[in-house]
Each structure stands twice: as C-alpha cells, then as structure tokens.
C-alpha cells in the first residue's frame, strides 16, 4: 500500500512557516505554500503539499485549504490551531498557533532547503509585498489570470517549468505517475 504524507506535509509546512516567519497570516501563508509547491515542482516535477492553486485577484489561492480554514479536518486541527477573525475592513485574518512542534521527518532535504530559503527570504515581509512577488510577469498566476484571462481558474503546475526543459520534465512526470499508479491499483 502506498502511503500519502501530503496532509502531514501540509500541516507541518504551516507549522514551519508560522514558527519561522513574522506576520504569517492567511495571505502570507498561501503565498509561502504556493512558492514552496511551485518551486519544488519546477525542480523535480512533484509538489510538496498536495494542494492545487487557483488564480484569484490577490494571487494564487489553495482553494481546498481556504475552504477548510473555518472548520479544519482533524489531522490539521490536532497540529495547528487556525482562528479566522473579521478585520475592520471586512476582510478576514488568520491567526496560526502550532499545537505541535515542526516534524521534519516527512520532508526531503530538498523540501526542507526550499522551506528554509523561503522563510529566510520572507521572514519580515508583509503579505501585500508578497502579492507583488506572485504577480510577476511570466509567473504562473500572471499567465492564467492576466494573459489568459482565466480568473478563478486552476493554475497548472506545468507553468512552473522552464520552456526549454518542459517536454523532458513532462515525460519524466508521466513515467513517474505510471509507476506510482501501478502500486495504487
């Protein structure tokens, strides 16, 4: 039986970013998870958290996690306390309180390296500055939201691949999926 640790990775990535950055609220968390997943995908053709991201006006949003925030599933709720609260401007904010310590055991060295780099780079950055980072021209969100005009649509991970490496990486990804699907059947 193949074991999927993506939910454990998701919970621990949330813990890691909450512990290792300042001002880590909802939007900043979304940006950090997006950068983690898309950077890792660009390097080896697989995301870290299992999330899918959608092109919303303020940038990429992991819709399933966004919908889960008010009532987290038990596997997340036992590791992280997520409190949504209403701000004066009508938006919601998210307070993240780890209930457990970060557990690096489900992460590869590459995943840990990317998380550390992102936490170091954006340690004191506010969410509004990170919105600029994810909206850069030729980045996946920009391609879907601005260029293709597909607002609210899924942002395909393949957009993280460099064009000169895309075909080779997609072939590698297909072969890997075929291998793992054999064991899932």
C-alpha atoms as a PDB file:
ATOM      1  CA  UNK A   1       0.000   0.000   0.000  1.00  0.00           C
ATOM      2  CA  UNK A   2       1.281   3.459  -0.931  1.00  0.00           C
ATOM      3  CA  UNK A   3       1.118   5.995   1.912  1.00  0.00           C
ATOM      4  CA  UNK A   4       0.455   9.645   1.049  1.00  0.00           C
ATOM      5  CA  UNK A   5       2.014  12.074   3.516  1.00  0.00           C
ATOM      6  CA  UNK A   6       0.813  15.246   1.776  1.00  0.00           C
ATOM      7  CA  UNK A   7      -1.571  16.210   4.631  1.00  0.00           C
ATOM      8  CA  UNK A   8       1.204  15.711   7.206  1.00  0.00           C
ATOM      9  CA  UNK A   9       3.483  17.787   4.992  1.00  0.00           C
ATOM     10  CA  UNK A  10       0.817  20.471   4.659  1.00  0.00           C
ATOM     11  CA  UNK A  11       0.272  20.704   8.425  1.00  0.00           C
ATOM     12  CA  UNK A  12       3.999  20.746   9.106  1.00  0.00           C
ATOM     13  CA  UNK A  13       4.670  23.332   6.403  1.00  0.00           C
ATOM     14  CA  UNK A  14       2.056  25.546   8.080  1.00  0.00           C
ATOM     15  CA  UNK A  15       3.792  24.997  11.430  1.00  0.00           C
ATOM     16  CA  UNK A  16       7.202  25.710   9.905  1.00  0.00           C
ATOM     17  CA  UNK A  17       6.164  28.988   8.284  1.00  0.00           C
ATOM     18  CA  UNK A  18       4.243  30.094  11.398  1.00  0.00           C
ATOM     19  CA  UNK A  19       7.307  29.421  13.577  1.00  0.00           C
ATOM     20  CA  UNK A  20       9.933  30.817  11.196  1.00  0.00           C
ATOM     21  CA  UNK A  21       8.362  33.975   9.768  1.00  0.00           C
ATOM     22  CA  UNK A  22       6.725  37.073  11.215  1.00  0.00           C
ATOM     23  CA  UNK A  23       3.253  38.271  10.235  1.00  0.00           C
ATOM     24  CA  UNK A  24       2.303  34.841   8.894  1.00  0.00           C
ATOM     25  CA  UNK A  25      -1.418  35.211   8.384  1.00  0.00           C
ATOM     26  CA  UNK A  26      -3.714  33.783   5.702  1.00  0.00           C
ATOM     27  CA  UNK A  27      -2.423  35.540   2.571  1.00  0.00           C
ATOM     28  CA  UNK A  28       1.255  35.238   3.510  1.00  0.00           C
ATOM     29  CA  UNK A  29       0.733  31.555   4.288  1.00  0.00           C
ATOM     30  CA  UNK A  30      -0.940  30.998   0.906  1.00  0.00           C
ATOM     31  CA  UNK A  31       1.982  32.698  -0.861  1.00  0.00           C
ATOM     32  CA  UNK A  32       4.608  30.679   1.014  1.00  0.00           C
ATOM     33  CA  UNK A  33       2.837  27.366   0.323  1.00  0.00           C
ATOM     34  CA  UNK A  34       2.422  28.308  -3.341  1.00  0.00           C
ATOM     35  CA  UNK A  35       6.090  29.223  -3.703  1.00  0.00           C
ATOM     36  CA  UNK A  36       7.126  26.011  -1.945  1.00  0.00           C
ATOM     37  CA  UNK A  37       4.947  23.828  -4.165  1.00  0.00           C
ATOM     38  CA  UNK A  38       5.729  25.526  -7.475  1.00  0.00           C
ATOM     39  CA  UNK A  39       9.473  25.815  -6.841  1.00  0.00           C
ATOM     40  CA  UNK A  40       9.662  22.154  -5.843  1.00  0.00           C
ATOM     41  CA  UNK A  41       7.597  21.175  -8.883  1.00  0.00           C
ATOM     42  CA  UNK A  42       9.930  23.140 -11.161  1.00  0.00           C
ATOM     43  CA  UNK A  43      12.901  21.239  -9.732  1.00  0.00           C
ATOM     44  CA  UNK A  44      11.581  17.667  -9.750  1.00  0.00           C
ATOM     45  CA  UNK A  45       8.037  17.578 -11.144  1.00  0.00           C
ATOM     46  CA  UNK A  46       6.149  16.994  -7.892  1.00  0.00           C
ATOM     47  CA  UNK A  47       4.551  19.387  -5.430  1.00  0.00           C
ATOM     48  CA  UNK A  48       5.047  19.138  -1.668  1.00  0.00           C
ATOM     49  CA  UNK A  49       1.668  19.707  -0.019  1.00  0.00           C
ATOM     50  CA  UNK A  50      -0.764  18.140  -2.472  1.00  0.00           C
ATOM     51  CA  UNK A  51      -2.598  21.459  -2.845  1.00  0.00           C
ATOM     52  CA  UNK A  52      -3.973  22.924  -6.058  1.00  0.00           C
ATOM     53  CA  UNK A  53      -3.910  26.687  -6.524  1.00  0.00           C
ATOM     54  CA  UNK A  54      -6.419  28.938  -8.243  1.00  0.00           C
ATOM     55  CA  UNK A  55      -5.913  32.349  -9.874  1.00  0.00           C
ATOM     56  CA  UNK A  56      -7.818  34.702  -7.600  1.00  0.00           C
ATOM     57  CA  UNK A  57      -7.465  38.519  -7.767  1.00  0.00           C
ATOM     58  CA  UNK A  58      -4.899  38.742  -4.925  1.00  0.00           C
ATOM     59  CA  UNK A  59      -2.874  35.859  -6.318  1.00  0.00           C
ATOM     60  CA  UNK A  60      -2.766  32.088  -6.089  1.00  0.00           C
ATOM     61  CA  UNK A  61      -5.106  30.567  -3.503  1.00  0.00           C
ATOM     62  CA  UNK A  62      -5.156  26.933  -2.332  1.00  0.00           C
ATOM     63  CA  UNK A  63      -8.969  26.727  -2.555  1.00  0.00           C
ATOM     64  CA  UNK A  64      -9.356  23.470  -0.610  1.00  0.00           C
ATOM     65  CA  UNK A  65      -7.310  24.819   2.311  1.00  0.00           C
ATOM     66  CA  UNK A  66      -9.117  28.171   2.079  1.00  0.00           C
ATOM     67  CA  UNK A  67     -12.481  26.386   2.337  1.00  0.00           C
ATOM     68  CA  UNK A  68     -11.209  24.280   5.245  1.00  0.00           C
ATOM     69  CA  UNK A  69      -9.955  27.153   7.408  1.00  0.00           C
ATOM     70  CA  UNK A  70     -13.191  27.723   9.323  1.00  0.00           C
ATOM     71  CA  UNK A  71     -13.518  24.035  10.173  1.00  0.00           C
ATOM     72  CA  UNK A  72     -10.155  22.261   9.783  1.00  0.00           C
ATOM     73  CA  UNK A  73     -10.164  18.497   9.394  1.00  0.00           C
ATOM     74  CA  UNK A  74      -8.928  16.604  12.476  1.00  0.00           C
ATOM     75  CA  UNK A  75      -5.481  15.862  11.017  1.00  0.00           C
ATOM     76  CA  UNK A  76      -4.778  19.590  10.622  1.00  0.00           C
ATOM     77  CA  UNK A  77      -6.695  20.709  13.743  1.00  0.00           C
ATOM     78  CA  UNK A  78      -4.621  18.482  16.028  1.00  0.00           C
ATOM     79  CA  UNK A  79      -1.389  20.024  14.733  1.00  0.00           C
ATOM     80  CA  UNK A  80      -2.383  23.666  14.172  1.00  0.00           C
ATOM     81  CA  UNK A  81      -4.975  25.993  15.659  1.00  0.00           C
ATOM     82  CA  UNK A  82      -6.388  28.205  12.899  1.00  0.00           C
ATOM     83  CA  UNK A  83      -8.509  31.141  14.070  1.00  0.00           C
ATOM     84  CA  UNK A  84     -10.259  33.263  11.463  1.00  0.00           C
ATOM     85  CA  UNK A  85     -11.329  36.699  12.610  1.00  0.00           C
ATOM     86  CA  UNK A  86     -13.018  39.623  10.905  1.00  0.00           C
ATOM     87  CA  UNK A  87     -10.986  42.808  10.444  1.00  0.00           C
ATOM     88  CA  UNK A  88     -12.370  46.368  10.411  1.00  0.00           C
ATOM     89  CA  UNK A  89     -12.190  46.485   6.589  1.00  0.00           C
ATOM     90  CA  UNK A  90     -14.447  43.428   6.248  1.00  0.00           C
ATOM     91  CA  UNK A  91     -11.661  41.008   5.286  1.00  0.00           C
ATOM     92  CA  UNK A  92     -10.717  38.043   7.413  1.00  0.00           C
ATOM     93  CA  UNK A  93      -7.373  37.405   9.032  1.00  0.00           C
ATOM     94  CA  UNK A  94      -5.961  34.103  10.211  1.00  0.00           C
ATOM     95  CA  UNK A  95      -4.110  33.513  13.439  1.00  0.00           C
ATOM     96  CA  UNK A  96      -1.949  30.402  13.279  1.00  0.00           C
ATOM     97  CA  UNK A  97      -0.925  28.721  16.521  1.00  0.00           C
ATOM     98  CA  UNK A  98       1.080  25.491  16.290  1.00  0.00           C
ATOM     99  CA  UNK A  99      -0.181  22.819  18.687  1.00  0.00           C
ATOM    100  CA  UNK A 100       2.760  20.564  17.911  1.00  0.00           C
ATOM    101  CA  UNK A 101       6.390  21.125  17.076  1.00  0.00           C
ATOM    102  CA  UNK A 102       7.509  21.064  13.457  1.00  0.00           C
ATOM    103  CA  UNK A 103       8.263  17.474  12.360  1.00  0.00           C
ATOM    104  CA  UNK A 104      10.794  17.367   9.518  1.00  0.00           C
ATOM    105  CA  UNK A 105      10.618  13.575   9.154  1.00  0.00           C
ATOM    106  CA  UNK A 106       8.221  13.581   6.161  1.00  0.00           C
ATOM    107  CA  UNK A 107      10.268  16.077   4.146  1.00  0.00           C
ATOM    108  CA  UNK A 108      13.182  15.524   1.813  1.00  0.00           C
ATOM    109  CA  UNK A 109      16.353  17.586   2.160  1.00  0.00           C
ATOM    110  CA  UNK A 110      15.300  19.498  -0.973  1.00  0.00           C
ATOM    111  CA  UNK A 111      11.879  20.344   0.508  1.00  0.00           C
ATOM    112  CA  UNK A 112      13.476  21.468   3.778  1.00  0.00           C
ATOM    113  CA  UNK A 113      16.014  23.581   1.866  1.00  0.00           C
ATOM    114  CA  UNK A 114      13.248  25.341  -0.090  1.00  0.00           C
ATOM    115  CA  UNK A 115      11.168  25.970   3.055  1.00  0.00           C
ATOM    116  CA  UNK A 116      14.190  27.414   4.867  1.00  0.00           C
ATOM    117  CA  UNK A 117      15.110  29.663   1.952  1.00  0.00           C
ATOM    118  CA  UNK A 118      11.531  30.962   1.658  1.00  0.00           C
ATOM    119  CA  UNK A 119      11.245  31.543   5.416  1.00  0.00           C
ATOM    120  CA  UNK A 120      14.575  33.394   5.449  1.00  0.00           C
ATOM    121  CA  UNK A 121      13.753  35.476   2.367  1.00  0.00           C
ATOM    122  CA  UNK A 122      10.258  36.471   3.505  1.00  0.00           C
ATOM    123  CA  UNK A 123      10.765  36.379   7.283  1.00  0.00           C
ATOM    124  CA  UNK A 124       9.745  40.007   7.842  1.00  0.00           C
ATOM    125  CA  UNK A 125       7.797  40.578   4.619  1.00  0.00           C
ATOM    126  CA  UNK A 126       4.157  41.607   4.839  1.00  0.00           C
ATOM    127  CA  UNK A 127       1.552  39.863   2.686  1.00  0.00           C
ATOM    128  CA  UNK A 128       0.983  42.864   0.397  1.00  0.00           C
ATOM    129  CA  UNK A 129       4.645  42.767  -0.685  1.00  0.00           C
ATOM    130  CA  UNK A 130       4.323  39.047  -1.380  1.00  0.00           C
ATOM    131  CA  UNK A 131       1.333  39.683  -3.627  1.00  0.00           C
ATOM    132  CA  UNK A 132       3.691  41.635  -5.883  1.00  0.00           C
ATOM    133  CA  UNK A 133       6.107  38.676  -5.919  1.00  0.00           C
ATOM    134  CA  UNK A 134       3.452  36.188  -7.071  1.00  0.00           C
ATOM    135  CA  UNK A 135       2.048  38.582  -9.703  1.00  0.00           C
ATOM    136  CA  UNK A 136       5.310  38.992 -11.617  1.00  0.00           C
ATOM    137  CA  UNK A 137       5.079  38.822 -15.390  1.00  0.00           C
ATOM    138  CA  UNK A 138       5.534  35.323 -16.850  1.00  0.00           C
ATOM    139  CA  UNK A 139       4.884  33.637 -13.488  1.00  0.00           C
ATOM    140  CA  UNK A 140       2.078  31.002 -13.399  1.00  0.00           C
ATOM    141  CA  UNK A 141      -0.548  33.234 -11.716  1.00  0.00           C
ATOM    142  CA  UNK A 142       0.116  36.049 -14.197  1.00  0.00           C
ATOM    143  CA  UNK A 143      -0.148  33.645 -17.138  1.00  0.00           C
ATOM    144  CA  UNK A 144      -3.576  32.351 -16.060  1.00  0.00           C
ATOM    145  CA  UNK A 145      -5.137  35.490 -14.551  1.00  0.00           C
ATOM    146  CA  UNK A 146      -3.732  38.291 -16.705  1.00  0.00           C
ATOM    147  CA  UNK A 147      -2.592  36.772 -20.011  1.00  0.00           C
ATOM    148  CA  UNK A 148      -5.274  34.119 -20.482  1.00  0.00           C
ATOM    149  CA  UNK A 149      -7.952  35.988 -18.504  1.00  0.00           C
ATOM    150  CA  UNK A 150      -8.996  32.790 -16.726  1.00  0.00           C
ATOM    151  CA  UNK A 151      -9.860  34.368 -13.398  1.00  0.00           C
ATOM    152  CA  UNK A 152     -10.570  31.886 -10.585  1.00  0.00           C
ATOM    153  CA  UNK A 153      -9.204  29.000 -12.724  1.00  0.00           C
ATOM    154  CA  UNK A 154      -6.770  26.310 -11.690  1.00  0.00           C
ATOM    155  CA  UNK A 155      -3.101  27.234 -12.117  1.00  0.00           C
ATOM    156  CA  UNK A 156      -1.431  24.190 -13.719  1.00  0.00           C
ATOM    157  CA  UNK A 157       1.850  23.185 -12.118  1.00  0.00           C
ATOM    158  CA  UNK A 158       3.328  22.721 -15.592  1.00  0.00           C
ATOM    159  CA  UNK A 159       3.524  26.518 -15.872  1.00  0.00           C
ATOM    160  CA  UNK A 160       6.370  26.391 -13.325  1.00  0.00           C
ATOM    161  CA  UNK A 161       8.563  24.538 -15.829  1.00  0.00           C
ATOM    162  CA  UNK A 162      11.076  26.383 -17.959  1.00  0.00           C
ATOM    163  CA  UNK A 163      10.085  26.114 -21.625  1.00  0.00           C
ATOM    164  CA  UNK A 164      13.392  24.552 -22.714  1.00  0.00           C
ATOM    165  CA  UNK A 165      13.037  21.778 -20.103  1.00  0.00           C
ATOM    166  CA  UNK A 166       9.263  21.347 -20.268  1.00  0.00           C
ATOM    167  CA  UNK A 167       8.957  18.328 -22.604  1.00  0.00           C
ATOM    168  CA  UNK A 168      11.705  16.373 -20.860  1.00  0.00           C
ATOM    169  CA  UNK A 169      10.248  17.085 -17.412  1.00  0.00           C
ATOM    170  CA  UNK A 170       6.675  16.254 -18.513  1.00  0.00           C
ATOM    171  CA  UNK A 171       7.876  12.897 -19.848  1.00  0.00           C
ATOM    172  CA  UNK A 172       9.632  12.226 -16.540  1.00  0.00           C
ATOM    173  CA  UNK A 173       6.442  13.163 -14.656  1.00  0.00           C
ATOM    174  CA  UNK A 174       4.290  10.851 -16.840  1.00  0.00           C
ATOM    175  CA  UNK A 175       6.675   7.942 -16.267  1.00  0.00           C
ATOM    176  CA  UNK A 176       6.694   8.578 -12.530  1.00  0.00           C
ATOM    177  CA  UNK A 177       2.876   8.750 -12.388  1.00  0.00           C
ATOM    178  CA  UNK A 178       2.575   5.488 -14.340  1.00  0.00           C
ATOM    179  CA  UNK A 179       4.963   3.815 -11.898  1.00  0.00           C
ATOM    180  CA  UNK A 180       3.064   5.014  -8.806  1.00  0.00           C
ATOM    181  CA  UNK A 181      -0.370   4.308 -10.349  1.00  0.00           C
ATOM    182  CA  UNK A 182       0.738   0.688 -10.792  1.00  0.00           C
ATOM    183  CA  UNK A 183       1.140   0.421  -6.996  1.00  0.00           C
ATOM    184  CA  UNK A 184      -2.084   2.281  -6.208  1.00  0.00           C
ATOM    185  CA  UNK A 185      -4.205  -0.071  -8.296  1.00  0.00           C
END
